[in-house]
Amino acid sequence: MTLLCRGALVLGAKGGYIKVSKKKHSTTQPLLLSVADVAVKLGVCRQTVYNFIYHEGLPTVQVGRIRRVHPDSLEDWIRGHEHQIA
């Protein structure tokens, strides 16, 4: 299969175009974590993270309508809740 680039589209061998994402992935850790990122780190679902935010006091930063969690705040919050886990 021969591919010829044309901007964000790639021409396949059969003449059809395929959209290609040229999104660059950073190798640095993001400054803020998404709710989904926090869920993965904690091994829970996103709804559980929202419950932690609204009912358990997990600190967040609101960017427009999106909630983000600072990694240090997450670690501090976990440390503060260690006695409840045991």
N, C-alpha and C. Protein backbone atom coordinates (compact mmCIF):
# COMPACT_ATOMS: atom_id res chain seq x y z
N MET A 1 0.84 -1.18 0.00
CA MET A 1 0.00 0.00 0.00
C MET A 1 0.89 1.24 0.00
N THR A 2 0.82 2.03 -1.03
CA THR A 2 1.59 3.26 -1.13
C THR A 2 0.77 4.41 -0.61
N LEU A 3 1.36 5.22 0.25
CA LEU A 3 0.66 6.36 0.82
C LEU A 3 1.34 7.66 0.39
N LEU A 4 0.57 8.57 -0.15
CA LEU A 4 1.08 9.88 -0.54
C LEU A 4 0.40 10.94 0.32
N CYS A 5 1.17 11.74 1.01
CA CYS A 5 0.61 12.74 1.91
C CYS A 5 0.09 13.96 1.15
N ARG A 6 -1.05 14.45 1.56
CA ARG A 6 -1.63 15.69 1.06
C ARG A 6 -2.23 16.42 2.25
N GLY A 7 -1.41 17.16 2.97
CA GLY A 7 -1.89 17.87 4.15
C GLY A 7 -2.27 16.90 5.24
N ALA A 8 -3.53 16.99 5.71
CA ALA A 8 -4.01 16.11 6.77
C ALA A 8 -4.66 14.85 6.20
N LEU A 9 -4.70 14.69 4.87
CA LEU A 9 -5.27 13.51 4.25
C LEU A 9 -4.16 12.68 3.63
N VAL A 10 -4.34 11.37 3.63
CA VAL A 10 -3.38 10.46 3.02
C VAL A 10 -4.10 9.69 1.93
N LEU A 11 -3.49 9.62 0.76
CA LEU A 11 -4.05 8.89 -0.36
C LEU A 11 -3.59 7.45 -0.28
N GLY A 12 -4.56 6.54 -0.17
CA GLY A 12 -4.25 5.12 -0.09
C GLY A 12 -4.03 4.54 -1.47
N ALA A 13 -3.60 3.29 -1.54
CA ALA A 13 -3.29 2.62 -2.80
C ALA A 13 -4.52 2.47 -3.69
N LYS A 14 -5.70 2.38 -3.10
CA LYS A 14 -6.92 2.20 -3.88
C LYS A 14 -7.56 3.52 -4.27
N GLY A 15 -6.88 4.62 -4.05
CA GLY A 15 -7.38 5.93 -4.46
C GLY A 15 -8.23 6.64 -3.43
N GLY A 16 -8.56 6.00 -2.32
CA GLY A 16 -9.36 6.64 -1.28
C GLY A 16 -8.48 7.45 -0.34
N TYR A 17 -9.08 8.45 0.28
CA TYR A 17 -8.34 9.27 1.23
C TYR A 17 -8.63 8.81 2.65
N ILE A 18 -7.61 8.86 3.46
CA ILE A 18 -7.71 8.50 4.87
C ILE A 18 -7.26 9.71 5.67
N LYS A 19 -8.05 10.10 6.67
CA LYS A 19 -7.68 11.22 7.52
C LYS A 19 -6.61 10.76 8.51
N VAL A 20 -5.60 11.58 8.69
CA VAL A 20 -4.52 11.25 9.59
C VAL A 20 -4.41 12.33 10.66
N SER A 21 -4.22 11.90 11.87
CA SER A 21 -4.04 12.85 12.96
C SER A 21 -2.55 13.11 13.14
N LYS A 22 -2.17 14.36 13.09
CA LYS A 22 -0.77 14.72 13.31
C LYS A 22 -0.59 15.33 14.69
N LYS A 23 -1.43 14.90 15.62
CA LYS A 23 -1.38 15.42 16.98
C LYS A 23 -0.08 14.98 17.64
N LYS A 24 0.62 15.94 18.18
CA LYS A 24 1.86 15.64 18.87
C LYS A 24 1.55 15.36 20.33
N HIS A 25 2.11 14.28 20.82
CA HIS A 25 1.92 13.91 22.21
C HIS A 25 3.14 14.37 23.00
N SER A 26 2.88 15.10 24.05
CA SER A 26 3.96 15.61 24.88
C SER A 26 4.49 14.50 25.77
N THR A 27 5.78 14.52 26.00
CA THR A 27 6.38 13.53 26.89
C THR A 27 6.42 14.04 28.34
N THR A 28 6.04 15.29 28.55
CA THR A 28 6.01 15.83 29.90
C THR A 28 4.65 15.55 30.53
N GLN A 29 4.64 15.50 31.85
CA GLN A 29 3.39 15.27 32.57
C GLN A 29 2.55 16.54 32.53
N PRO A 30 1.23 16.41 32.29
CA PRO A 30 0.39 17.61 32.24
C PRO A 30 0.33 18.29 33.60
N LEU A 31 0.15 19.61 33.59
CA LEU A 31 0.06 20.37 34.83
C LEU A 31 -1.16 19.98 35.63
N LEU A 32 -2.29 19.75 34.95
CA LEU A 32 -3.53 19.37 35.61
C LEU A 32 -4.05 18.06 35.02
N LEU A 33 -4.70 17.26 35.85
CA LEU A 33 -5.24 15.97 35.42
C LEU A 33 -6.74 16.10 35.13
N SER A 34 -7.20 15.39 34.12
CA SER A 34 -8.64 15.35 33.85
C SER A 34 -9.29 14.39 34.84
N VAL A 35 -10.62 14.44 34.90
CA VAL A 35 -11.36 13.53 35.77
C VAL A 35 -11.08 12.08 35.34
N ALA A 36 -11.00 11.85 34.05
CA ALA A 36 -10.70 10.50 33.55
C ALA A 36 -9.30 10.06 33.98
N ASP A 37 -8.33 10.97 33.94
CA ASP A 37 -6.96 10.64 34.39
C ASP A 37 -6.95 10.25 35.87
N VAL A 38 -7.69 11.01 36.67
CA VAL A 38 -7.77 10.72 38.11
C VAL A 38 -8.42 9.36 38.33
N ALA A 39 -9.47 9.07 37.57
CA ALA A 39 -10.15 7.78 37.69
C ALA A 39 -9.20 6.63 37.41
N VAL A 40 -8.37 6.77 36.37
CA VAL A 40 -7.40 5.72 36.03
C VAL A 40 -6.39 5.57 37.16
N LYS A 41 -5.88 6.69 37.67
CA LYS A 41 -4.88 6.63 38.74
C LYS A 41 -5.42 5.96 39.99
N LEU A 42 -6.71 6.22 40.30
CA LEU A 42 -7.31 5.66 41.52
C LEU A 42 -7.95 4.29 41.29
N GLY A 43 -8.10 3.89 40.03
CA GLY A 43 -8.72 2.60 39.73
C GLY A 43 -10.22 2.59 39.97
N VAL A 44 -10.86 3.74 39.74
CA VAL A 44 -12.30 3.86 39.90
C VAL A 44 -12.90 4.44 38.62
N CYS A 45 -14.23 4.53 38.57
CA CYS A 45 -14.87 5.12 37.39
C CYS A 45 -14.96 6.64 37.55
N ARG A 46 -15.25 7.33 36.46
CA ARG A 46 -15.33 8.79 36.47
C ARG A 46 -16.40 9.29 37.44
N GLN A 47 -17.53 8.60 37.52
CA GLN A 47 -18.60 9.03 38.42
C GLN A 47 -18.13 9.02 39.87
N THR A 48 -17.32 8.05 40.24
CA THR A 48 -16.77 8.00 41.60
C THR A 48 -15.88 9.21 41.85
N VAL A 49 -15.10 9.61 40.86
CA VAL A 49 -14.26 10.82 41.01
C VAL A 49 -15.15 12.04 41.22
N TYR A 50 -16.24 12.16 40.46
CA TYR A 50 -17.16 13.28 40.66
C TYR A 50 -17.78 13.23 42.06
N ASN A 51 -18.07 12.04 42.56
CA ASN A 51 -18.57 11.92 43.93
C ASN A 51 -17.52 12.40 44.93
N PHE A 52 -16.25 12.06 44.69
CA PHE A 52 -15.18 12.54 45.55
C PHE A 52 -15.11 14.07 45.51
N ILE A 53 -15.30 14.65 44.34
CA ILE A 53 -15.24 16.11 44.19
C ILE A 53 -16.39 16.77 44.95
N TYR A 54 -17.61 16.30 44.71
CA TYR A 54 -18.79 16.98 45.26
C TYR A 54 -19.11 16.62 46.71
N HIS A 55 -18.70 15.41 47.14
CA HIS A 55 -19.10 14.97 48.49
C HIS A 55 -17.94 14.71 49.44
N GLU A 56 -16.75 14.48 48.90
CA GLU A 56 -15.60 14.15 49.74
C GLU A 56 -14.52 15.23 49.75
N GLY A 57 -14.75 16.32 49.03
CA GLY A 57 -13.84 17.45 49.09
C GLY A 57 -12.57 17.33 48.26
N LEU A 58 -12.57 16.52 47.21
CA LEU A 58 -11.40 16.46 46.33
C LEU A 58 -11.26 17.81 45.63
N PRO A 59 -10.15 18.52 45.84
CA PRO A 59 -9.99 19.86 45.26
C PRO A 59 -9.83 19.82 43.73
N THR A 60 -10.46 20.77 43.08
CA THR A 60 -10.36 20.87 41.62
C THR A 60 -10.14 22.32 41.22
N VAL A 61 -9.71 22.46 39.98
CA VAL A 61 -9.60 23.77 39.33
C VAL A 61 -10.61 23.73 38.20
N GLN A 62 -11.45 24.74 38.11
CA GLN A 62 -12.43 24.76 37.03
C GLN A 62 -11.92 25.66 35.91
N VAL A 63 -11.79 25.08 34.72
CA VAL A 63 -11.35 25.80 33.54
C VAL A 63 -12.55 25.84 32.60
N GLY A 64 -13.27 26.95 32.61
CA GLY A 64 -14.52 27.01 31.87
C GLY A 64 -15.52 26.06 32.51
N ARG A 65 -15.99 25.09 31.75
CA ARG A 65 -16.91 24.09 32.29
C ARG A 65 -16.20 22.79 32.64
N ILE A 66 -14.89 22.76 32.47
CA ILE A 66 -14.12 21.53 32.67
C ILE A 66 -13.44 21.56 34.03
N ARG A 67 -13.49 20.45 34.75
CA ARG A 67 -12.80 20.33 36.04
C ARG A 67 -11.48 19.60 35.84
N ARG A 68 -10.46 20.13 36.49
CA ARG A 68 -9.14 19.51 36.46
C ARG A 68 -8.63 19.39 37.90
N VAL A 69 -7.73 18.44 38.12
CA VAL A 69 -7.18 18.19 39.44
C VAL A 69 -5.67 18.33 39.36
N HIS A 70 -5.11 19.12 40.27
CA HIS A 70 -3.66 19.25 40.33
C HIS A 70 -3.10 17.97 40.97
N PRO A 71 -2.05 17.38 40.39
CA PRO A 71 -1.50 16.13 40.94
C PRO A 71 -1.12 16.22 42.42
N ASP A 72 -0.56 17.36 42.84
CA ASP A 72 -0.20 17.52 44.25
C ASP A 72 -1.44 17.54 45.14
N SER A 73 -2.51 18.18 44.67
CA SER A 73 -3.76 18.21 45.43
C SER A 73 -4.34 16.80 45.57
N LEU A 74 -4.23 16.02 44.51
CA LEU A 74 -4.72 14.63 44.56
C LEU A 74 -3.94 13.84 45.60
N GLU A 75 -2.61 13.96 45.58
CA GLU A 75 -1.79 13.24 46.56
C GLU A 75 -2.10 13.67 47.98
N ASP A 76 -2.25 14.98 48.21
CA ASP A 76 -2.59 15.49 49.55
C ASP A 76 -3.95 14.98 50.00
N TRP A 77 -4.91 14.98 49.08
CA TRP A 77 -6.26 14.50 49.40
C TRP A 77 -6.24 13.03 49.78
N ILE A 78 -5.46 12.24 49.04
CA ILE A 78 -5.34 10.81 49.35
C ILE A 78 -4.72 10.62 50.73
N ARG A 79 -3.64 11.35 51.02
CA ARG A 79 -3.00 11.25 52.33
C ARG A 79 -3.97 11.61 53.45
N GLY A 80 -4.78 12.63 53.21
CA GLY A 80 -5.76 13.05 54.22
C GLY A 80 -6.87 12.04 54.45
N HIS A 81 -7.07 11.13 53.50
CA HIS A 81 -8.13 10.14 53.63
C HIS A 81 -7.59 8.74 53.92
N GLU A 82 -6.29 8.61 54.18
CA GLU A 82 -5.71 7.29 54.43
C GLU A 82 -6.30 6.62 55.67
N HIS A 83 -6.57 7.39 56.70
CA HIS A 83 -7.11 6.80 57.93
C HIS A 83 -8.50 6.20 57.72
N GLN A 84 -9.26 6.72 56.75
CA GLN A 84 -10.59 6.22 56.48
C GLN A 84 -10.55 4.93 55.66
N ILE A 85 -9.45 4.69 54.96
CA ILE A 85 -9.33 3.51 54.12
C ILE A 85 -9.02 2.28 54.97
N ALA A 86 -8.16 2.44 55.96
CA ALA A 86 -7.70 1.32 56.78
C ALA A 86 -8.76 0.77 57.69
